[in-house]
C-alpha atoms as a PDB file:
ATOM      1  CA  MET A   1      -3.933   2.494  37.761  1.00  0.00           C
ATOM      2  CA  THR A   2      -7.511   3.546  36.477  1.00  0.00           C
ATOM      3  CA  ASP A   3     -10.331   1.161  36.300  1.00  0.00           C
ATOM      4  CA  ALA A   4     -10.156   1.616  32.429  1.00  0.00           C
ATOM      5  CA  GLN A   5      -6.451   0.484  32.560  1.00  0.00           C
ATOM      6  CA  GLN A   6      -7.387  -2.553  34.512  1.00  0.00           C
ATOM      7  CA  ASN A   7      -9.856  -3.524  31.758  1.00  0.00           C
ATOM      8  CA  PHE A   8      -7.342  -3.437  28.951  1.00  0.00           C
ATOM      9  CA  THR A   9      -6.777  -6.680  26.778  1.00  0.00           C
ATOM     10  CA  ASP A  10      -3.229  -7.886  26.536  1.00  0.00           C
ATOM     11  CA  GLN A  11      -3.233  -6.443  22.995  1.00  0.00           C
ATOM     12  CA  THR A  12      -4.272  -3.019  24.134  1.00  0.00           C
ATOM     13  CA  GLN A  13      -1.546  -3.042  26.751  1.00  0.00           C
ATOM     14  CA  LYS A  14       0.724  -3.983  24.002  1.00  0.00           C
ATOM     15  CA  ALA A  15      -0.577  -1.053  21.867  1.00  0.00           C
ATOM     16  CA  LEU A  16       0.049   1.417  24.774  1.00  0.00           C
ATOM     17  CA  ASP A  17       3.606   0.083  25.306  1.00  0.00           C
ATOM     18  CA  ILE A  18       4.231   0.628  21.473  1.00  0.00           C
ATOM     19  CA  ALA A  19       2.650   4.123  21.849  1.00  0.00           C
ATOM     20  CA  ARG A  20       4.983   4.935  24.740  1.00  0.00           C
ATOM     21  CA  ALA A  21       7.982   3.756  22.910  1.00  0.00           C
ATOM     22  CA  LYS A  22       7.082   5.657  19.877  1.00  0.00           C
ATOM     23  CA  ALA A  23       6.659   8.837  21.896  1.00  0.00           C
ATOM     24  CA  ALA A  24      10.056   8.255  23.537  1.00  0.00           C
ATOM     25  CA  HIS A  25      11.696   7.429  20.174  1.00  0.00           C
ATOM     26  CA  TYR A  26      10.637  10.849  18.828  1.00  0.00           C
ATOM     27  CA  GLU A  27      11.517  12.615  22.061  1.00  0.00           C
ATOM     28  CA  HIS A  28       8.019  13.746  22.726  1.00  0.00           C
ATOM     29  CA  ASP A  29       6.844  14.748  26.305  1.00  0.00           C
ATOM     30  CA  HIS A  30       3.485  13.006  25.949  1.00  0.00           C
ATOM     31  CA  ILE A  31       1.452  10.270  24.345  1.00  0.00           C
ATOM     32  CA  GLY A  32      -1.099  11.735  22.080  1.00  0.00           C
ATOM     33  CA  PRO A  33      -3.905  10.351  19.669  1.00  0.00           C
ATOM     34  CA  VAL A  34      -1.545   9.884  16.860  1.00  0.00           C
ATOM     35  CA  HIS A  35       0.641   7.613  18.950  1.00  0.00           C
ATOM     36  CA  LEU A  36      -2.419   5.816  20.035  1.00  0.00           C
ATOM     37  CA  LEU A  37      -3.513   5.313  16.405  1.00  0.00           C
ATOM     38  CA  PHE A  38      -0.128   4.147  15.200  1.00  0.00           C
ATOM     39  CA  ALA A  39       0.055   1.617  17.931  1.00  0.00           C
ATOM     40  CA  SER A  40      -3.427   0.239  17.699  1.00  0.00           C
ATOM     41  CA  VAL A  41      -3.182  -0.224  13.925  1.00  0.00           C
ATOM     42  CA  ASN A  42       0.319  -1.653  14.506  1.00  0.00           C
ATOM     43  CA  VAL A  43      -1.167  -4.293  16.790  1.00  0.00           C
ATOM     44  CA  LEU A  44      -4.398  -4.926  14.737  1.00  0.00           C
ATOM     45  CA  SER A  45      -2.382  -5.372  11.541  1.00  0.00           C
ATOM     46  CA  GLY A  46      -0.663  -8.268  13.256  1.00  0.00           C
ATOM     47  CA  SER A  47      -3.362  -9.960  15.404  1.00  0.00           C
ATOM     48  CA  GLN A  48      -6.630  -8.988  13.784  1.00  0.00           C
ATOM     49  CA  PRO A  49      -6.005  -7.892  10.246  1.00  0.00           C
ATOM     50  CA  LYS A  50      -9.517  -8.596   9.269  1.00  0.00           C
ATOM     51  CA  VAL A  51     -10.735  -5.630  11.421  1.00  0.00           C
ATOM     52  CA  LEU A  52      -8.627  -3.423   9.380  1.00  0.00           C
ATOM     53  CA  GLU A  53      -9.804  -4.924   6.098  1.00  0.00           C
ATOM     54  CA  GLU A  54     -13.476  -4.502   7.136  1.00  0.00           C
ATOM     55  CA  VAL A  55     -13.198  -0.644   7.342  1.00  0.00           C
ATOM     56  CA  GLY A  56     -10.843  -0.450   4.277  1.00  0.00           C
ATOM     57  CA  LEU A  57      -7.780   0.576   6.266  1.00  0.00           C
ATOM     58  CA  ASP A  58      -4.361  -0.059   4.877  1.00  0.00           C
ATOM     59  CA  ALA A  59      -2.146  -0.351   7.711  1.00  0.00           C
ATOM     60  CA  ALA A  60       1.039   0.644   5.974  1.00  0.00           C
ATOM     61  CA  VAL A  61      -0.563   3.793   4.784  1.00  0.00           C
ATOM     62  CA  VAL A  62      -2.001   4.889   8.051  1.00  0.00           C
ATOM     63  CA  LYS A  63       1.219   3.960   9.946  1.00  0.00           C
ATOM     64  CA  GLY A  64       3.334   5.778   7.288  1.00  0.00           C
ATOM     65  CA  ALA A  65       1.234   9.066   7.769  1.00  0.00           C
ATOM     66  CA  ALA A  66       1.303   8.810  11.466  1.00  0.00           C
ATOM     67  CA  GLU A  67       5.110   8.639  11.235  1.00  0.00           C
ATOM     68  CA  VAL A  68       5.249  11.722   9.290  1.00  0.00           C
ATOM     69  CA  VAL A  69       3.102  13.715  11.696  1.00  0.00           C
ATOM     70  CA  LEU A  70       5.141  12.112  14.723  1.00  0.00           C
ATOM     71  CA  SER A  71       8.371  12.850  13.134  1.00  0.00           C
ATOM     72  CA  GLY A  72       7.508  16.521  12.754  1.00  0.00           C
ATOM     73  CA  GLY A  73       6.674  17.164  16.462  1.00  0.00           C
ATOM     74  CA  PRO A  74       8.655  19.132  18.897  1.00  0.00           C
ATOM     75  CA  LYS A  75      11.397  17.366  20.801  1.00  0.00           C
ATOM     76  CA  ASN A  76      11.293  17.482  24.567  1.00  0.00           C
ATOM     77  CA  ALA A  77      12.737  14.252  25.880  1.00  0.00           C
ATOM     78  CA  THR A  78      10.913  12.932  28.756  1.00  0.00           C
ATOM     79  CA  PRO A  79      11.676   9.332  30.175  1.00  0.00           C
ATOM     80  CA  ALA A  80       9.445   6.884  28.703  1.00  0.00           C
ATOM     81  CA  ASP A  81       7.995   5.687  32.045  1.00  0.00           C
ATOM     82  CA  GLN A  82       6.965   9.375  32.752  1.00  0.00           C
ATOM     83  CA  LEU A  83       5.089  10.183  29.476  1.00  0.00           C
ATOM     84  CA  PRO A  84       1.605  11.396  30.369  1.00  0.00           C
ATOM     85  CA  LEU A  85      -1.311  10.855  28.003  1.00  0.00           C
ATOM     86  CA  THR A  86      -2.704  14.145  26.609  1.00  0.00           C
ATOM     87  CA  ALA A  87      -6.297  15.096  27.383  1.00  0.00           C
ATOM     88  CA  ASN A  88      -7.242  14.012  23.957  1.00  0.00           C
ATOM     89  CA  ALA A  89      -5.573  10.666  24.100  1.00  0.00           C
ATOM     90  CA  GLN A  90      -7.304  10.264  27.530  1.00  0.00           C
ATOM     91  CA  GLU A  91     -10.634  11.150  25.816  1.00  0.00           C
ATOM     92  CA  ILE A  92     -10.099   8.699  23.076  1.00  0.00           C
ATOM     93  CA  LEU A  93      -9.449   6.005  25.757  1.00  0.00           C
ATOM     94  CA  GLY A  94     -12.668   6.818  27.483  1.00  0.00           C
ATOM     95  CA  LEU A  95     -14.589   6.685  24.136  1.00  0.00           C
ATOM     96  CA  ALA A  96     -12.910   3.291  23.519  1.00  0.00           C
ATOM     97  CA  GLY A  97     -14.168   2.153  26.839  1.00  0.00           C
ATOM     98  CA  GLN A  98     -17.709   3.180  25.861  1.00  0.00           C
ATOM     99  CA  GLU A  99     -17.229   1.333  22.495  1.00  0.00           C
ATOM    100  CA  ALA A 100     -16.122  -1.839  24.456  1.00  0.00           C
ATOM    101  CA  GLY A 101     -19.582  -1.654  26.284  1.00  0.00           C
ATOM    102  CA  GLY A 102     -18.207  -2.848  29.633  1.00  0.00           C
ATOM    103  CA  LYS A 103     -16.103  -5.442  28.061  1.00  0.00           C
ATOM    104  CA  GLN A 104     -12.287  -5.439  27.932  1.00  0.00           C
ATOM    105  CA  ILE A 105     -10.917  -2.659  25.816  1.00  0.00           C
ATOM    106  CA  GLY A 106      -9.231  -3.878  22.694  1.00  0.00           C
ATOM    107  CA  PRO A 107      -7.282  -2.078  20.058  1.00  0.00           C
ATOM    108  CA  GLU A 108     -10.037  -2.012  17.853  1.00  0.00           C
ATOM    109  CA  HIS A 109     -12.070   0.060  20.405  1.00  0.00           C
ATOM    110  CA  ILE A 110      -9.126   2.618  20.410  1.00  0.00           C
ATOM    111  CA  LEU A 111      -9.601   2.891  16.559  1.00  0.00           C
ATOM    112  CA  ARG A 112     -13.225   3.377  17.051  1.00  0.00           C
ATOM    113  CA  GLY A 113     -12.390   5.892  19.853  1.00  0.00           C
ATOM    114  CA  VAL A 114     -10.262   7.883  17.316  1.00  0.00           C
ATOM    115  CA  ALA A 115     -13.297   7.805  14.871  1.00  0.00           C
ATOM    116  CA  ARG A 116     -15.766   8.972  17.590  1.00  0.00           C
ATOM    117  CA  LYS A 117     -13.567  11.825  18.372  1.00  0.00           C
ATOM    118  CA  GLY A 118     -13.698  12.746  14.749  1.00  0.00           C
ATOM    119  CA  GLU A 119     -11.066  15.413  14.984  1.00  0.00           C
ATOM    120  CA  GLY A 120      -7.552  16.109  15.195  1.00  0.00           C
ATOM    121  CA  PHE A 121      -4.407  14.775  13.392  1.00  0.00           C
ATOM    122  CA  ALA A 122      -5.280  11.092  14.151  1.00  0.00           C
ATOM    123  CA  ALA A 123      -8.858  11.327  12.732  1.00  0.00           C
ATOM    124  CA  ARG A 124      -7.399  13.339   9.754  1.00  0.00           C
ATOM    125  CA  ILE A 125      -4.795  10.591   9.070  1.00  0.00           C
ATOM    126  CA  LEU A 126      -7.684   8.106   8.754  1.00  0.00           C
ATOM    127  CA  THR A 127      -9.721  10.314   6.473  1.00  0.00           C
ATOM    128  CA  GLU A 128      -6.761  11.378   4.267  1.00  0.00           C
ATOM    129  CA  SER A 129      -5.835   7.718   3.895  1.00  0.00           C
ATOM    130  CA  GLY A 130      -9.453   6.924   2.543  1.00  0.00           C
ATOM    131  CA  VAL A 131     -11.118   5.480   5.708  1.00  0.00           C
ATOM    132  CA  SER A 132     -14.561   6.649   6.390  1.00  0.00           C
ATOM    133  CA  LEU A 133     -14.847   7.434  10.039  1.00  0.00           C
ATOM    134  CA  GLU A 134     -18.629   6.420   9.694  1.00  0.00           C
ATOM    135  CA  ARG A 135     -17.529   2.967   8.436  1.00  0.00           C
ATOM    136  CA  VAL A 136     -15.047   2.584  11.314  1.00  0.00           C
ATOM    137  CA  LEU A 137     -18.110   3.079  13.779  1.00  0.00           C
ATOM    138  CA  GLN A 138     -20.344   0.575  12.219  1.00  0.00           C
END
């Protein structure tokens, strides 16, 4: 377990479990940024909906768009407990750690990490859903 993983809130651990389950559901061989986006929005919509409202994020729209992307991915079933994070997902978690500023990493920091990365399907889902990446980072 890395230092970053030891610094996750319970809500972030729940989000990572959801991301892993979503990847396993779609028979993916990895956990990527879109899995992280789906999972963090899923957790935030239940526990901290105000965070999403403040950045103009409609959880149903973002999760629906993420499902479309995830359902179209290649199938290569890997046991859920063996699913690795992609390099981009690891980068997003690193950015989330920077956003947390030495405090525990919450799912809102993962959302900010996606915005800071600013590229790829996860960031595109946000912008195409009408979310300003700059607003997420404020």
